[in-house]
Amino acid sequence: MPTSFYLDNVRNLLRNLRQEPISALPGRLAAIARPKMFRLSEEAAHRTGAGAILARAYRGKGIALMFHEIHSDVDGELRTGCSAAQLARIIDAVRADGRDIATIGEGLRRLAEPDSAPFALLTFDDGYRDNRTNALPVLERAQAPMTLFAPTGMITREINAWWLGLREIIKTWDQFDLPAMGRSFDCGDLASKMSTMRTVTGWIGTDQSRADALAPVFAAKGIDLATLVERHAMDEAELRTFAAHPLVEIGAHTQSHRFLSALDEATVLDELKSNKAYLENLLGRPVRYLAYPFGTPGACGEREARLAALAGFEASFTTRAGHLFAEHLRHPQLLPRIDVGYAPQSRAALASRLSGLHRAMTTGFGNPVATRT
């Protein structure tokens, strides 16, 4: 049989593992089974060597990689970030995959040049202090540039960092009630705590009112969000020092880190412009790039892209899965970006994202280029 016959069969297997076997399952069971099926599919593709071949059309000139916190104690923070060792492994894997690590500006230039070398962008969201203490030494050793997207409220301690409050409750208590969700949670071990974190954040989705509904729970448990932000995030002096490092560029991440799709147009534009102006005044340099909070299709879309351009950003990043292609230069305000800053992470999962197989599977082998929709 020709090689194409076997590749077609593997492609169909991956598509079926992703969709068909769980299509008839009840909703909650399907939600549990689907990620496991996805991981099994990635592992099969990685072990057989078929992944890179199947994903050839999905491999772009560039790839933007997303991180958040770089923890000293990954399990202690419920695996909501990754370790410095994992960051180092990802940098090594990116370079072994034939990519240079570039600044955003250099990457966009390379997209416009057909004969330029492949590249990867390292981006970090929210302004966490451990990006300076834990990530920067790794980046210095590797001489790898990075962009930090900082929301104003994180630096000024005025942000509603509900995700930090939620994590603190789950870390601290083995049982708690969430009346707005109509549920009680028992989470006495790491696995159940991680599951609870995923369940509640999934319930919130892009509904800001649900995020706000956590406030009474925080109050009842004595959780002060400003104290948590002070514990985890850089302040103005730290951000200025960090931004002065030759490997670091600062980008925008809105004023308040809310779901932009839920806000009216004037408020969105103010969120973008005020954050850009704040950072430029603080750092004394232009802020050219933006990352949308949450970044999903439900959190940002065509309206936000138009307003980002109006606010003066040269390019803006989502969390839509996919690589960067020259076609993205025609509409650079909704660029794809892939999350690799979670733990634990298998070799197969990372290989899937670097090869483009991740997008192939999430789209059912659809369009390789993440479009505006």
Protein backbone atom coordinates (compact mmCIF):
# COMPACT_ATOMS: atom_id res chain seq x y z
CA MET A 1 0.00 0.00 0.00
CA PRO A 2 1.26 3.57 -0.67
CA THR A 3 2.26 5.77 2.29
CA SER A 4 -0.68 8.08 1.57
CA PHE A 5 -3.08 5.21 2.29
CA TYR A 6 -1.70 4.76 5.81
CA LEU A 7 -1.61 8.50 6.47
CA ASP A 8 -5.24 8.83 5.40
CA ASN A 9 -6.18 6.08 7.82
CA VAL A 10 -4.28 7.69 10.70
CA ARG A 11 -5.90 11.03 9.90
CA ASN A 12 -9.32 9.46 10.03
CA LEU A 13 -8.46 7.71 13.28
CA LEU A 14 -7.43 10.98 14.91
CA ARG A 15 -10.57 12.70 13.70
CA ASN A 16 -12.73 9.90 15.01
CA LEU A 17 -10.96 9.73 18.35
CA ARG A 18 -11.53 13.46 18.68
CA GLN A 19 -15.23 13.49 17.82
CA GLU A 20 -17.25 10.38 17.08
CA PRO A 21 -16.86 7.97 20.04
CA ILE A 22 -18.10 10.51 22.58
CA SER A 23 -20.71 12.33 20.52
CA ALA A 24 -23.58 10.42 22.10
CA LEU A 25 -22.34 10.60 25.68
CA PRO A 26 -24.12 12.80 28.25
CA GLY A 27 -22.69 16.29 28.52
CA ARG A 28 -20.67 15.96 31.72
CA LEU A 29 -19.21 12.58 30.75
CA ALA A 30 -18.33 13.89 27.31
CA ALA A 31 -16.56 16.86 28.91
CA ILE A 32 -14.41 14.42 30.88
CA ALA A 33 -13.79 12.02 28.01
CA ARG A 34 -13.01 14.52 25.27
CA PRO A 35 -9.71 15.85 26.68
CA LYS A 36 -8.55 12.30 27.40
CA MET A 37 -9.35 11.25 23.85
CA PHE A 38 -7.47 14.28 22.58
CA ARG A 39 -4.38 13.40 24.62
CA LEU A 40 -4.51 9.79 23.42
CA SER A 41 -4.73 11.01 19.84
CA GLU A 42 -1.70 13.26 20.29
CA GLU A 43 0.26 10.46 21.91
CA ALA A 44 -0.55 8.04 19.11
CA ALA A 45 0.50 10.56 16.47
CA HIS A 46 3.72 11.34 18.32
CA ARG A 47 4.74 7.74 18.91
CA THR A 48 4.06 6.67 15.33
CA GLY A 49 5.79 9.70 13.83
CA ALA A 50 2.65 10.48 11.84
CA GLY A 51 1.95 13.78 13.59
CA ALA A 52 4.51 15.92 11.80
CA ILE A 53 3.56 14.44 8.41
CA LEU A 54 -0.16 14.92 8.90
CA ALA A 55 0.36 18.47 10.18
CA ARG A 56 2.66 19.62 7.40
CA ALA A 57 0.09 22.02 5.97
CA TYR A 58 -0.58 23.42 9.46
CA ARG A 59 3.02 24.34 10.18
CA GLY A 60 3.45 28.07 9.73
CA LYS A 61 6.52 30.26 9.43
CA GLY A 62 5.94 31.37 13.02
CA ILE A 63 4.31 30.32 16.24
CA ALA A 64 3.37 32.47 19.23
CA LEU A 65 3.64 30.62 22.53
CA MET A 66 1.77 31.75 25.63
CA PHE A 67 2.78 31.49 29.29
CA HIS A 68 1.39 32.96 32.49
CA GLU A 69 3.00 32.14 35.84
CA ILE A 70 6.36 30.37 36.14
CA HIS A 71 5.99 28.68 39.51
CA SER A 72 8.55 27.55 42.04
CA ASP A 73 5.96 25.07 43.38
CA VAL A 74 3.81 23.94 40.46
CA ASP A 75 1.65 21.50 42.44
CA GLY A 76 1.23 24.00 45.27
CA GLU A 77 -0.34 26.43 42.79
CA LEU A 78 -2.63 23.71 41.39
CA ARG A 79 -0.65 23.47 38.14
CA THR A 80 -2.06 26.73 36.87
CA GLY A 81 1.35 27.61 35.46
CA CYS A 82 4.57 25.76 34.76
CA SER A 83 8.07 25.49 36.18
CA ALA A 84 11.26 27.20 35.05
CA ALA A 85 12.54 23.76 34.03
CA GLN A 86 9.55 23.32 31.71
CA LEU A 87 10.15 26.74 30.20
CA ALA A 88 13.75 25.72 29.51
CA ARG A 89 12.63 22.44 27.92
CA ILE A 90 10.20 24.31 25.66
CA ILE A 91 12.92 26.70 24.51
CA ASP A 92 15.18 23.73 23.73
CA ALA A 93 12.36 21.97 21.86
CA VAL A 94 11.54 25.09 19.83
CA ARG A 95 15.15 25.42 18.71
CA ALA A 96 15.47 21.69 18.03
CA ASP A 97 12.39 22.09 15.84
CA GLY A 98 14.34 24.53 13.67
CA ARG A 99 12.93 27.79 14.95
CA ASP A 100 14.72 30.90 16.15
CA ILE A 101 13.21 32.74 19.11
CA ALA A 102 12.41 36.24 17.92
CA THR A 103 10.84 39.46 19.07
CA ILE A 104 7.34 40.19 17.80
CA GLY A 105 8.65 42.88 15.47
CA GLU A 106 11.23 40.54 13.97
CA GLY A 107 8.65 37.80 13.65
CA LEU A 108 6.23 40.02 11.74
CA ARG A 109 9.07 41.05 9.43
CA ARG A 110 9.90 37.40 8.77
CA LEU A 111 6.28 36.62 7.91
CA ALA A 112 6.57 39.15 5.10
CA GLU A 113 9.76 37.57 3.73
CA PRO A 114 9.25 34.23 1.96
CA ASP A 115 12.87 33.13 2.39
CA SER A 116 13.21 34.04 6.07
CA ALA A 117 13.88 31.49 8.80
CA PRO A 118 11.09 29.98 10.95
CA PHE A 119 10.60 31.58 14.37
CA ALA A 120 8.79 31.37 17.68
CA LEU A 121 7.55 34.16 19.96
CA LEU A 122 7.59 33.80 23.74
CA THR A 123 4.76 35.76 25.37
CA PHE A 124 3.77 36.04 29.03
CA ASP A 125 0.47 37.44 30.29
CA ASP A 126 -0.56 39.51 33.31
CA GLY A 127 2.68 40.79 34.90
CA TYR A 128 3.42 38.10 37.47
CA ARG A 129 6.47 38.64 39.64
CA ASP A 130 7.74 35.13 38.96
CA ASN A 131 8.23 36.08 35.30
CA ARG A 132 11.10 38.22 36.58
CA THR A 133 12.39 35.95 39.33
CA ASN A 134 11.91 32.53 37.70
CA ALA A 135 11.52 33.02 33.95
CA LEU A 136 14.10 35.73 33.27
CA PRO A 137 17.14 33.68 34.40
CA VAL A 138 16.08 30.92 31.97
CA LEU A 139 15.66 33.46 29.18
CA GLU A 140 19.05 35.01 29.95
CA ARG A 141 20.81 31.65 29.77
CA ALA A 142 19.08 30.91 26.48
CA GLN A 143 19.37 34.49 25.17
CA ALA A 144 15.69 34.29 24.28
CA PRO A 145 13.60 37.48 23.99
CA MET A 146 10.09 37.69 25.44
CA THR A 147 7.06 39.98 25.53
CA LEU A 148 5.12 40.59 28.73
CA PHE A 149 1.50 41.73 28.30
CA ALA A 150 0.54 43.76 31.38
CA PRO A 151 -2.91 44.99 32.41
CA THR A 152 -2.94 48.32 34.23
CA GLY A 153 -4.98 47.05 37.17
CA MET A 154 -2.54 44.24 37.91
CA ILE A 155 0.28 46.72 38.37
CA THR A 156 -1.81 49.29 40.29
CA ARG A 157 -3.54 46.61 42.44
CA GLU A 158 -7.00 47.66 41.22
CA ILE A 159 -7.84 44.54 39.22
CA ASN A 160 -10.58 42.03 40.00
CA ALA A 161 -8.22 39.04 39.87
CA TRP A 162 -10.98 36.53 40.56
CA TRP A 163 -8.87 33.65 39.24
CA LEU A 164 -6.31 34.26 42.00
CA GLY A 165 -9.04 34.37 44.63
CA LEU A 166 -10.61 31.18 43.32
CA ARG A 167 -7.27 29.38 43.37
CA GLU A 168 -6.61 30.57 46.92
CA ILE A 169 -9.92 29.19 48.14
CA ILE A 170 -9.36 25.83 46.46
CA LYS A 171 -5.79 25.65 47.77
CA THR A 172 -6.82 26.48 51.32
CA TRP A 173 -10.14 24.69 51.81
CA ASP A 174 -11.06 21.09 51.09
CA GLN A 175 -14.75 21.99 50.88
CA PHE A 176 -16.61 25.11 49.86
CA ASP A 177 -19.97 26.17 48.49
CA LEU A 178 -20.57 28.27 45.38
CA PRO A 179 -24.22 29.37 45.65
CA ALA A 180 -24.26 31.20 42.31
CA MET A 181 -23.32 27.93 40.61
CA GLY A 182 -25.62 25.88 42.80
CA ARG A 183 -22.84 23.50 43.76
CA SER A 184 -20.67 22.39 46.66
CA PHE A 185 -17.15 21.16 46.08
CA ASP A 186 -15.15 18.56 47.97
CA CYS A 187 -11.52 18.88 46.98
CA GLY A 188 -9.19 17.22 49.43
CA ASP A 189 -6.40 16.21 47.06
CA LEU A 190 -4.49 17.74 44.18
CA ALA A 191 -6.50 16.01 41.45
CA SER A 192 -9.85 17.15 42.84
CA LYS A 193 -8.55 20.67 43.45
CA MET A 194 -7.35 20.92 39.85
CA SER A 195 -10.67 19.54 38.62
CA THR A 196 -12.57 22.09 40.73
CA MET A 197 -10.47 24.92 39.32
CA ARG A 198 -11.23 23.80 35.76
CA THR A 199 -14.92 23.31 36.51
CA VAL A 200 -15.48 26.74 38.01
CA THR A 201 -13.45 28.62 35.42
CA GLY A 202 -15.31 26.71 32.71
CA TRP A 203 -18.61 27.72 34.29
CA ILE A 204 -17.57 31.37 34.31
CA GLY A 205 -16.66 31.17 30.63
CA THR A 206 -16.88 34.72 29.28
CA ASP A 207 -19.67 35.82 31.61
CA GLN A 208 -18.34 38.63 33.79
CA SER A 209 -21.41 38.48 36.02
CA ARG A 210 -20.45 34.94 37.01
CA ALA A 211 -16.93 36.09 37.84
CA ASP A 212 -18.40 38.90 39.93
CA ALA A 213 -20.63 36.35 41.71
CA LEU A 214 -17.51 34.95 43.38
CA ALA A 215 -17.19 38.10 45.50
CA PRO A 216 -19.48 36.91 48.36
CA VAL A 217 -17.52 33.65 48.53
CA PHE A 218 -14.26 35.58 48.77
CA ALA A 219 -15.71 37.77 51.52
CA ALA A 220 -16.97 34.76 53.48
CA LYS A 221 -13.57 33.10 53.28
CA GLY A 222 -11.60 36.26 54.09
CA ILE A 223 -9.97 36.42 50.65
CA ASP A 224 -8.65 39.87 49.78
CA LEU A 225 -7.88 40.12 46.07
CA ALA A 226 -5.62 43.17 46.42
CA THR A 227 -3.44 41.23 48.86
CA LEU A 228 -3.18 38.33 46.42
CA VAL A 229 -2.27 40.64 43.55
CA GLU A 230 0.37 42.26 45.79
CA ARG A 231 1.76 38.81 46.51
CA HIS A 232 1.93 37.62 42.91
CA ALA A 233 2.26 40.63 40.59
CA MET A 234 4.96 43.19 39.86
CA ASP A 235 4.47 46.75 41.00
CA GLU A 236 5.41 49.83 38.99
CA ALA A 237 9.05 49.90 40.11
CA GLU A 238 9.50 46.21 39.33
CA LEU A 239 7.87 46.54 35.92
CA ARG A 240 10.12 49.49 35.01
CA THR A 241 13.22 47.51 36.00
CA PHE A 242 12.00 44.43 34.14
CA ALA A 243 11.17 46.43 31.00
CA ALA A 244 14.70 47.86 30.94
CA HIS A 245 16.16 44.40 30.36
CA PRO A 246 17.37 43.95 26.75
CA LEU A 247 15.43 40.68 26.34
CA VAL A 248 12.11 42.15 27.52
CA GLU A 249 9.39 44.03 25.67
CA ILE A 250 6.15 45.16 27.32
CA GLY A 251 2.80 44.87 25.58
CA ALA A 252 -0.74 45.88 26.53
CA HIS A 253 -3.37 43.66 28.15
CA THR A 254 -6.20 46.20 28.77
CA GLN A 255 -6.99 48.31 31.80
CA SER A 256 -9.03 45.86 33.87
CA HIS A 257 -8.57 42.41 32.27
CA ARG A 258 -12.29 41.94 31.67
CA PHE A 259 -14.03 40.06 28.86
CA LEU A 260 -14.04 42.73 26.16
CA SER A 261 -16.93 41.15 24.26
CA ALA A 262 -19.22 41.92 27.21
CA LEU A 263 -18.40 45.65 27.20
CA ASP A 264 -19.82 48.40 25.03
CA GLU A 265 -17.68 49.81 22.25
CA ALA A 266 -16.70 53.03 24.03
CA THR A 267 -15.61 51.12 27.12
CA VAL A 268 -13.53 48.67 25.08
CA LEU A 269 -11.76 51.51 23.32
CA ASP A 270 -11.05 53.17 26.67
CA GLU A 271 -9.75 49.85 28.06
CA LEU A 272 -7.25 49.67 25.20
CA LYS A 273 -6.21 53.31 24.98
CA SER A 274 -5.87 53.89 28.72
CA ASN A 275 -3.74 50.76 29.21
CA LYS A 276 -1.49 51.73 26.30
CA ALA A 277 -1.09 55.28 27.61
CA TYR A 278 -0.44 54.10 31.17
CA LEU A 279 2.33 51.73 30.11
CA GLU A 280 3.92 54.21 27.73
CA ASN A 281 3.96 56.91 30.40
CA LEU A 282 5.35 54.49 32.99
CA LEU A 283 8.07 53.06 30.77
CA GLY A 284 8.85 55.98 28.48
CA ARG A 285 8.63 53.91 25.29
CA PRO A 286 6.01 52.90 22.70
CA VAL A 287 3.72 49.96 23.40
CA ARG A 288 3.00 48.45 20.00
CA TYR A 289 1.36 45.09 20.69
CA LEU A 290 -1.71 43.83 22.54
CA ALA A 291 -2.94 40.53 23.92
CA TYR A 292 -6.68 40.26 24.52
CA PRO A 293 -7.66 39.00 28.00
CA PHE A 294 -8.79 35.36 27.75
CA GLY A 295 -8.42 35.61 23.97
CA THR A 296 -11.10 33.09 22.96
CA PRO A 297 -13.58 33.71 20.11
CA GLY A 298 -16.18 34.42 22.80
CA ALA A 299 -13.95 37.02 24.46
CA CYS A 300 -12.78 38.98 21.42
CA GLY A 301 -13.64 39.21 17.75
CA GLU A 302 -13.97 41.53 14.77
CA ARG A 303 -15.18 44.50 16.82
CA GLU A 304 -12.25 44.23 19.23
CA ALA A 305 -9.83 43.86 16.31
CA ARG A 306 -11.14 47.05 14.73
CA LEU A 307 -10.87 48.92 18.04
CA ALA A 308 -7.34 47.59 18.66
CA ALA A 309 -6.25 49.06 15.33
CA LEU A 310 -8.02 52.32 16.19
CA ALA A 311 -6.18 52.40 19.53
CA GLY A 312 -2.88 52.30 17.65
CA PHE A 313 -1.68 48.71 18.07
CA GLU A 314 0.35 47.22 15.24
CA ALA A 315 -0.66 43.65 16.06
CA SER A 316 -2.84 41.88 18.62
CA PHE A 317 -2.91 38.31 19.87
CA THR A 318 -5.76 35.96 20.77
CA THR A 319 -5.67 32.43 22.17
CA ARG A 320 -7.06 30.88 18.97
CA ALA A 321 -5.08 27.75 18.18
CA GLY A 322 -2.80 27.91 15.17
CA HIS A 323 0.52 28.94 13.70
CA LEU A 324 1.44 32.25 12.09
CA PHE A 325 1.33 32.49 8.29
CA ALA A 326 2.04 35.34 5.86
CA GLU A 327 -1.75 35.59 5.34
CA HIS A 328 -2.09 36.90 8.89
CA LEU A 329 -0.33 40.12 7.90
CA ARG A 330 -3.49 41.13 6.03
CA HIS A 331 -5.38 41.17 9.33
CA PRO A 332 -2.85 41.34 12.19
CA GLN A 333 -5.28 42.20 15.00
CA LEU A 334 -6.48 38.62 15.67
CA LEU A 335 -3.28 36.61 15.58
CA PRO A 336 -3.31 33.03 16.94
CA ARG A 337 -1.38 32.06 20.04
CA ILE A 338 -0.95 28.66 21.67
CA ASP A 339 -0.86 27.95 25.40
CA VAL A 340 2.15 25.84 26.37
CA GLY A 341 2.59 27.21 29.89
CA TYR A 342 0.54 24.61 31.72
CA ALA A 343 1.60 21.59 33.73
CA PRO A 344 2.05 18.74 33.42
CA GLN A 345 2.91 18.73 29.74
CA SER A 346 3.81 15.62 27.78
CA ARG A 347 6.33 15.50 24.96
CA ALA A 348 3.48 14.53 22.65
CA ALA A 349 1.38 17.56 23.62
CA LEU A 350 4.25 19.96 23.00
CA ALA A 351 5.17 18.27 19.72
CA SER A 352 1.54 18.54 18.62
CA ARG A 353 1.54 22.29 19.19
CA LEU A 354 4.91 22.91 17.59
CA SER A 355 4.08 20.82 14.51
CA GLY A 356 0.60 22.26 13.93
CA LEU A 357 -1.18 18.96 14.65
CA HIS A 358 -2.99 20.62 17.55
CA ARG A 359 -4.80 22.97 15.16
CA ALA A 360 -5.40 20.16 12.67
CA MET A 361 -7.17 18.12 15.36
CA THR A 362 -9.10 20.98 16.95
CA THR A 363 -10.47 21.98 13.53
CA GLY A 364 -11.10 18.45 12.24
CA PHE A 365 -8.32 18.99 9.66
CA GLY A 366 -9.91 22.24 8.58
CA ASN A 367 -8.34 25.53 7.54
CA PRO A 368 -4.65 25.66 8.60
CA VAL A 369 -4.79 29.46 8.95
CA ALA A 370 -6.61 30.77 12.00
CA THR A 371 -8.95 33.30 10.44
CA ARG A 372 -10.89 36.24 11.82
CA THR A 373 -13.83 34.06 12.85
